Amino acid sequence: MNRILSDHNQRNKIEEELISLFQDKEISLVDFLDNDECVVYPADDEEDAKEYIMEEIWSKFFLIIKIEL
């Protein structure tokens, strides 16, 4: 993870992908986190999934507590 974070291009790509994920209403965040291929977190609903992604992924990569998208 440190290698990715130290690479400005990779970090920007991850940030763009996360923002797109939140903005694309066609994508179910629940299914993104819990699907046939992988179970990351069994979210109760879309808001729970969004909170998990913000706390466990976004904040670790970008060291912020919350943002509103």
PDB file of N, CA and C in Angstrom:
ATOM      1  N   MET A   1       0.827  -1.180   0.000  1.00  0.00           N
ATOM      2  CA  MET A   1       0.000   0.000   0.000  1.00  0.00           C
ATOM      3  C   MET A   1       0.875   1.250   0.000  1.00  0.00           C
ATOM      4  N   ASN A   2       1.961   1.250   0.755  1.00  0.00           N
ATOM      5  CA  ASN A   2       2.836   2.423   0.782  1.00  0.00           C
ATOM      6  C   ASN A   2       3.403   2.733  -0.597  1.00  0.00           C
ATOM      7  N   ARG A   3       3.737   1.680  -1.355  1.00  0.00           N
ATOM      8  CA  ARG A   3       4.263   1.872  -2.703  1.00  0.00           C
ATOM      9  C   ARG A   3       3.222   2.557  -3.584  1.00  0.00           C
ATOM     10  N   ILE A   4       1.984   2.125  -3.487  1.00  0.00           N
ATOM     11  CA  ILE A   4       0.914   2.725  -4.283  1.00  0.00           C
ATOM     12  C   ILE A   4       0.687   4.178  -3.874  1.00  0.00           C
ATOM     13  N   LEU A   5       0.647   4.421  -2.583  1.00  0.00           N
ATOM     14  CA  LEU A   5       0.400   5.776  -2.104  1.00  0.00           C
ATOM     15  C   LEU A   5       1.530   6.727  -2.457  1.00  0.00           C
ATOM     16  N   SER A   6       2.727   6.221  -2.559  1.00  0.00           N
ATOM     17  CA  SER A   6       3.861   7.091  -2.891  1.00  0.00           C
ATOM     18  C   SER A   6       3.931   7.392  -4.384  1.00  0.00           C
ATOM     19  N   ASP A   7       3.203   6.640  -5.194  1.00  0.00           N
ATOM     20  CA  ASP A   7       3.159   6.878  -6.637  1.00  0.00           C
ATOM     21  C   ASP A   7       1.961   7.780  -6.937  1.00  0.00           C
ATOM     22  N   HIS A   8       2.243   9.015  -7.299  1.00  0.00           N
ATOM     23  CA  HIS A   8       1.201  10.019  -7.518  1.00  0.00           C
ATOM     24  C   HIS A   8       0.176   9.562  -8.561  1.00  0.00           C
ATOM     25  N   ASN A   9       0.629   8.942  -9.645  1.00  0.00           N
ATOM     26  CA  ASN A   9      -0.284   8.494 -10.706  1.00  0.00           C
ATOM     27  C   ASN A   9      -1.220   7.393 -10.219  1.00  0.00           C
ATOM     28  N   GLN A  10      -0.682   6.421  -9.501  1.00  0.00           N
ATOM     29  CA  GLN A  10      -1.528   5.336  -8.987  1.00  0.00           C
ATOM     30  C   GLN A  10      -2.513   5.866  -7.949  1.00  0.00           C
ATOM     31  N   ARG A  11      -2.042   6.752  -7.112  1.00  0.00           N
ATOM     32  CA  ARG A  11      -2.918   7.338  -6.086  1.00  0.00           C
ATOM     33  C   ARG A  11      -4.075   8.094  -6.741  1.00  0.00           C
ATOM     34  N   ASN A  12      -3.773   8.880  -7.767  1.00  0.00           N
ATOM     35  CA  ASN A  12      -4.822   9.612  -8.480  1.00  0.00           C
ATOM     36  C   ASN A  12      -5.813   8.664  -9.142  1.00  0.00           C
ATOM     37  N   LYS A  13      -5.306   7.583  -9.704  1.00  0.00           N
ATOM     38  CA  LYS A  13      -6.179   6.593 -10.364  1.00  0.00           C
ATOM     39  C   LYS A  13      -7.147   5.968  -9.352  1.00  0.00           C
ATOM     40  N   ILE A  14      -6.640   5.623  -8.183  1.00  0.00           N
ATOM     41  CA  ILE A  14      -7.503   5.045  -7.145  1.00  0.00           C
ATOM     42  C   ILE A  14      -8.546   6.064  -6.704  1.00  0.00           C
ATOM     43  N   GLU A  15      -8.133   7.303  -6.523  1.00  0.00           N
ATOM     44  CA  GLU A  15      -9.073   8.350  -6.118  1.00  0.00           C
ATOM     45  C   GLU A  15     -10.161   8.518  -7.183  1.00  0.00           C
ATOM     46  N   GLU A  16      -9.781   8.562  -8.444  1.00  0.00           N
ATOM     47  CA  GLU A  16     -10.759   8.697  -9.532  1.00  0.00           C
ATOM     48  C   GLU A  16     -11.729   7.521  -9.548  1.00  0.00           C
ATOM     49  N   GLU A  17     -11.216   6.315  -9.349  1.00  0.00           N
ATOM     50  CA  GLU A  17     -12.066   5.120  -9.350  1.00  0.00           C
ATOM     51  C   GLU A  17     -13.061   5.154  -8.184  1.00  0.00           C
ATOM     52  N   LEU A  18     -12.611   5.561  -7.015  1.00  0.00           N
ATOM     53  CA  LEU A  18     -13.517   5.631  -5.863  1.00  0.00           C
ATOM     54  C   LEU A  18     -14.593   6.688  -6.073  1.00  0.00           C
ATOM     55  N   ILE A  19     -14.214   7.828  -6.605  1.00  0.00           N
ATOM     56  CA  ILE A  19     -15.197   8.883  -6.869  1.00  0.00           C
ATOM     57  C   ILE A  19     -16.219   8.390  -7.895  1.00  0.00           C
ATOM     58  N   SER A  20     -15.735   7.741  -8.949  1.00  0.00           N
ATOM     59  CA  SER A  20     -16.655   7.193  -9.961  1.00  0.00           C
ATOM     60  C   SER A  20     -17.596   6.165  -9.352  1.00  0.00           C
ATOM     61  N   LEU A  21     -17.072   5.344  -8.474  1.00  0.00           N
ATOM     62  CA  LEU A  21     -17.874   4.329  -7.805  1.00  0.00           C
ATOM     63  C   LEU A  21     -19.034   4.962  -7.042  1.00  0.00           C
ATOM     64  N   PHE A  22     -18.763   6.053  -6.332  1.00  0.00           N
ATOM     65  CA  PHE A  22     -19.811   6.727  -5.564  1.00  0.00           C
ATOM     66  C   PHE A  22     -20.798   7.466  -6.467  1.00  0.00           C
ATOM     67  N   GLN A  23     -20.350   7.962  -7.590  1.00  0.00           N
ATOM     68  CA  GLN A  23     -21.216   8.756  -8.461  1.00  0.00           C
ATOM     69  C   GLN A  23     -22.074   7.915  -9.398  1.00  0.00           C
ATOM     70  N   ASP A  24     -21.640   6.709  -9.704  1.00  0.00           N
ATOM     71  CA  ASP A  24     -22.367   5.851 -10.645  1.00  0.00           C
ATOM     72  C   ASP A  24     -23.516   5.150  -9.918  1.00  0.00           C
ATOM     73  N   LYS A  25     -24.711   5.634 -10.155  1.00  0.00           N
ATOM     74  CA  LYS A  25     -25.899   5.094  -9.477  1.00  0.00           C
ATOM     75  C   LYS A  25     -26.287   3.709 -10.000  1.00  0.00           C
ATOM     76  N   GLU A  26     -25.666   3.272 -11.096  1.00  0.00           N
ATOM     77  CA  GLU A  26     -25.932   1.944 -11.656  1.00  0.00           C
ATOM     78  C   GLU A  26     -25.205   0.853 -10.860  1.00  0.00           C
ATOM     79  N   ILE A  27     -24.186   1.245 -10.097  1.00  0.00           N
ATOM     80  CA  ILE A  27     -23.381   0.281  -9.342  1.00  0.00           C
ATOM     81  C   ILE A  27     -23.933   0.151  -7.929  1.00  0.00           C
ATOM     82  N   SER A  28     -24.206  -1.070  -7.534  1.00  0.00           N
ATOM     83  CA  SER A  28     -24.635  -1.334  -6.168  1.00  0.00           C
ATOM     84  C   SER A  28     -23.385  -1.490  -5.299  1.00  0.00           C
ATOM     85  N   LEU A  29     -23.253  -0.620  -4.318  1.00  0.00           N
ATOM     86  CA  LEU A  29     -22.115  -0.719  -3.405  1.00  0.00           C
ATOM     87  C   LEU A  29     -22.202  -1.984  -2.562  1.00  0.00           C
ATOM     88  N   VAL A  30     -23.422  -2.413  -2.261  1.00  0.00           N
ATOM     89  CA  VAL A  30     -23.621  -3.659  -1.512  1.00  0.00           C
ATOM     90  C   VAL A  30     -23.056  -4.828  -2.319  1.00  0.00           C
ATOM     91  N   ASP A  31     -23.413  -4.885  -3.607  1.00  0.00           N
ATOM     92  CA  ASP A  31     -22.906  -5.958  -4.473  1.00  0.00           C
ATOM     93  C   ASP A  31     -21.410  -5.835  -4.725  1.00  0.00           C
ATOM     94  N   PHE A  32     -20.914  -4.619  -4.761  1.00  0.00           N
ATOM     95  CA  PHE A  32     -19.476  -4.396  -4.946  1.00  0.00           C
ATOM     96  C   PHE A  32     -18.684  -5.030  -3.799  1.00  0.00           C
ATOM     97  N   LEU A  33     -19.218  -4.919  -2.581  1.00  0.00           N
ATOM     98  CA  LEU A  33     -18.518  -5.432  -1.400  1.00  0.00           C
ATOM     99  C   LEU A  33     -18.828  -6.894  -1.095  1.00  0.00           C
ATOM    100  N   ASP A  34     -19.933  -7.394  -1.601  1.00  0.00           N
ATOM    101  CA  ASP A  34     -20.353  -8.764  -1.300  1.00  0.00           C
ATOM    102  C   ASP A  34     -20.957  -9.380  -2.561  1.00  0.00           C
ATOM    103  N   ASN A  35     -20.155 -10.172  -3.280  1.00  0.00           N
ATOM    104  CA  ASN A  35     -20.621 -10.766  -4.525  1.00  0.00           C
ATOM    105  C   ASN A  35     -20.132 -12.205  -4.644  1.00  0.00           C
ATOM    106  N   ASP A  36     -20.413 -12.836  -5.756  1.00  0.00           N
ATOM    107  CA  ASP A  36     -20.051 -14.246  -5.950  1.00  0.00           C
ATOM    108  C   ASP A  36     -18.550 -14.491  -5.948  1.00  0.00           C
ATOM    109  N   GLU A  37     -17.773 -13.496  -6.326  1.00  0.00           N
ATOM    110  CA  GLU A  37     -16.320 -13.652  -6.410  1.00  0.00           C
ATOM    111  C   GLU A  37     -15.601 -13.348  -5.104  1.00  0.00           C
ATOM    112  N   CYS A  38     -16.150 -12.445  -4.321  1.00  0.00           N
ATOM    113  CA  CYS A  38     -15.430 -11.981  -3.135  1.00  0.00           C
ATOM    114  C   CYS A  38     -16.403 -11.343  -2.142  1.00  0.00           C
ATOM    115  N   VAL A  39     -16.204 -11.622  -0.872  1.00  0.00           N
ATOM    116  CA  VAL A  39     -16.965 -10.950   0.175  1.00  0.00           C
ATOM    117  C   VAL A  39     -15.983 -10.125   0.988  1.00  0.00           C
ATOM    118  N   VAL A  40     -16.116  -8.807   0.858  1.00  0.00           N
ATOM    119  CA  VAL A  40     -15.269  -7.886   1.606  1.00  0.00           C
ATOM    120  C   VAL A  40     -15.975  -7.489   2.892  1.00  0.00           C
ATOM    121  N   TYR A  41     -17.256  -7.165   2.755  1.00  0.00           N
ATOM    122  CA  TYR A  41     -18.065  -6.721   3.887  1.00  0.00           C
ATOM    123  C   TYR A  41     -19.530  -6.946   3.542  1.00  0.00           C
ATOM    124  N   PRO A  42     -20.285  -7.605   4.403  1.00  0.00           N
ATOM    125  CA  PRO A  42     -21.710  -7.850   4.128  1.00  0.00           C
ATOM    126  C   PRO A  42     -22.575  -6.661   4.567  1.00  0.00           C
ATOM    127  N   ALA A  43     -22.613  -5.618   3.767  1.00  0.00           N
ATOM    128  CA  ALA A  43     -23.349  -4.398   4.103  1.00  0.00           C
ATOM    129  C   ALA A  43     -24.849  -4.652   4.168  1.00  0.00           C
ATOM    130  N   ASP A  44     -25.508  -3.961   5.080  1.00  0.00           N
ATOM    131  CA  ASP A  44     -26.958  -4.075   5.235  1.00  0.00           C
ATOM    132  C   ASP A  44     -27.715  -3.347   4.134  1.00  0.00           C
ATOM    133  N   ASP A  45     -27.155  -2.218   3.673  1.00  0.00           N
ATOM    134  CA  ASP A  45     -27.791  -1.421   2.637  1.00  0.00           C
ATOM    135  C   ASP A  45     -26.736  -0.528   1.989  1.00  0.00           C
ATOM    136  N   GLU A  46     -27.151   0.284   1.024  1.00  0.00           N
ATOM    137  CA  GLU A  46     -26.209   1.126   0.280  1.00  0.00           C
ATOM    138  C   GLU A  46     -25.482   2.117   1.192  1.00  0.00           C
ATOM    139  N   GLU A  47     -26.190   2.683   2.149  1.00  0.00           N
ATOM    140  CA  GLU A  47     -25.553   3.649   3.064  1.00  0.00           C
ATOM    141  C   GLU A  47     -24.504   2.962   3.934  1.00  0.00           C
ATOM    142  N   ASP A  48     -24.802   1.781   4.414  1.00  0.00           N
ATOM    143  CA  ASP A  48     -23.841   1.010   5.199  1.00  0.00           C
ATOM    144  C   ASP A  48     -22.606   0.690   4.358  1.00  0.00           C
ATOM    145  N   ALA A  49     -22.822   0.306   3.103  1.00  0.00           N
ATOM    146  CA  ALA A  49     -21.708   0.003   2.198  1.00  0.00           C
ATOM    147  C   ALA A  49     -20.860   1.243   1.954  1.00  0.00           C
ATOM    148  N   LYS A  50     -21.512   2.382   1.735  1.00  0.00           N
ATOM    149  CA  LYS A  50     -20.784   3.641   1.503  1.00  0.00           C
ATOM    150  C   LYS A  50     -19.954   4.011   2.728  1.00  0.00           C
ATOM    151  N   GLU A  51     -20.540   3.885   3.908  1.00  0.00           N
ATOM    152  CA  GLU A  51     -19.811   4.197   5.138  1.00  0.00           C
ATOM    153  C   GLU A  51     -18.601   3.284   5.302  1.00  0.00           C
ATOM    154  N   TYR A  52     -18.755   2.008   4.985  1.00  0.00           N
ATOM    155  CA  TYR A  52     -17.638   1.071   5.087  1.00  0.00           C
ATOM    156  C   TYR A  52     -16.511   1.477   4.138  1.00  0.00           C
ATOM    157  N   ILE A  53     -16.872   1.776   2.904  1.00  0.00           N
ATOM    158  CA  ILE A  53     -15.856   2.175   1.924  1.00  0.00           C
ATOM    159  C   ILE A  53     -15.159   3.451   2.367  1.00  0.00           C
ATOM    160  N   MET A  54     -15.918   4.410   2.881  1.00  0.00           N
ATOM    161  CA  MET A  54     -15.315   5.667   3.335  1.00  0.00           C
ATOM    162  C   MET A  54     -14.356   5.430   4.502  1.00  0.00           C
ATOM    163  N   GLU A  55     -14.766   4.618   5.453  1.00  0.00           N
ATOM    164  CA  GLU A  55     -13.953   4.403   6.652  1.00  0.00           C
ATOM    165  C   GLU A  55     -12.780   3.470   6.409  1.00  0.00           C
ATOM    166  N   GLU A  56     -12.991   2.409   5.652  1.00  0.00           N
ATOM    167  CA  GLU A  56     -11.966   1.376   5.518  1.00  0.00           C
ATOM    168  C   GLU A  56     -11.091   1.517   4.279  1.00  0.00           C
ATOM    169  N   ILE A  57     -11.559   2.212   3.278  1.00  0.00           N
ATOM    170  CA  ILE A  57     -10.764   2.340   2.060  1.00  0.00           C
ATOM    171  C   ILE A  57     -10.348   3.796   1.844  1.00  0.00           C
ATOM    172  N   TRP A  58     -11.327   4.675   1.691  1.00  0.00           N
ATOM    173  CA  TRP A  58     -11.018   6.076   1.383  1.00  0.00           C
ATOM    174  C   TRP A  58     -10.124   6.693   2.454  1.00  0.00           C
ATOM    175  N   SER A  59     -10.482   6.577   3.709  1.00  0.00           N
ATOM    176  CA  SER A  59      -9.706   7.239   4.770  1.00  0.00           C
ATOM    177  C   SER A  59      -8.292   6.680   4.883  1.00  0.00           C
ATOM    178  N   LYS A  60      -8.097   5.416   4.557  1.00  0.00           N
ATOM    179  CA  LYS A  60      -6.753   4.839   4.608  1.00  0.00           C
ATOM    180  C   LYS A  60      -5.883   5.345   3.456  1.00  0.00           C
ATOM    181  N   PHE A  61      -6.504   5.580   2.322  1.00  0.00           N
ATOM    182  CA  PHE A  61      -5.751   6.081   1.182  1.00  0.00           C
ATOM    183  C   PHE A  61      -5.567   7.590   1.228  1.00  0.00           C
ATOM    184  N   PHE A  62      -6.545   8.299   1.724  1.00  0.00           N
ATOM    185  CA  PHE A  62      -6.509   9.749   1.605  1.00  0.00           C
ATOM    186  C   PHE A  62      -6.549  10.485   2.946  1.00  0.00           C
ATOM    187  N   LEU A  63      -6.540   9.726   4.038  1.00  0.00           N
ATOM    188  CA  LEU A  63      -6.398  10.277   5.383  1.00  0.00           C
ATOM    189  C   LEU A  63      -7.358  11.421   5.685  1.00  0.00           C
ATOM    190  N   ILE A  64      -8.611  11.217   5.314  1.00  0.00           N
ATOM    191  CA  ILE A  64      -9.644  12.156   5.695  1.00  0.00           C
ATOM    192  C   ILE A  64     -10.744  11.380   6.390  1.00  0.00           C
ATOM    193  N   ILE A  65     -11.528  12.052   7.189  1.00  0.00           N
ATOM    194  CA  ILE A  65     -12.565  11.365   7.952  1.00  0.00           C
ATOM    195  C   ILE A  65     -13.797  11.118   7.098  1.00  0.00           C
ATOM    196  N   LYS A  66     -14.365  12.129   6.523  1.00  0.00           N
ATOM    197  CA  LYS A  66     -15.579  11.989   5.714  1.00  0.00           C
ATOM    198  C   LYS A  66     -15.590  13.058   4.627  1.00  0.00           C
ATOM    199  N   ILE A  67     -16.197  12.716   3.519  1.00  0.00           N
ATOM    200  CA  ILE A  67     -16.502  13.701   2.501  1.00  0.00           C
ATOM    201  C   ILE A  67     -17.919  13.420   2.039  1.00  0.00           C
ATOM    202  N   GLU A  68     -18.549  14.419   1.529  1.00  0.00           N
ATOM    203  CA  GLU A  68     -19.894  14.259   0.991  1.00  0.00           C
ATOM    204  C   GLU A  68     -19.789  14.220  -0.511  1.00  0.00           C
ATOM    205  N   LEU A  69     -20.266  13.146  -1.112  1.00  0.00           N
ATOM    206  CA  LEU A  69     -20.303  13.040  -2.588  1.00  0.00           C
ATOM    207  C   LEU A  69     -21.727  12.974  -3.037  1.00  0.00           C
TER     208      LEU A  69
END
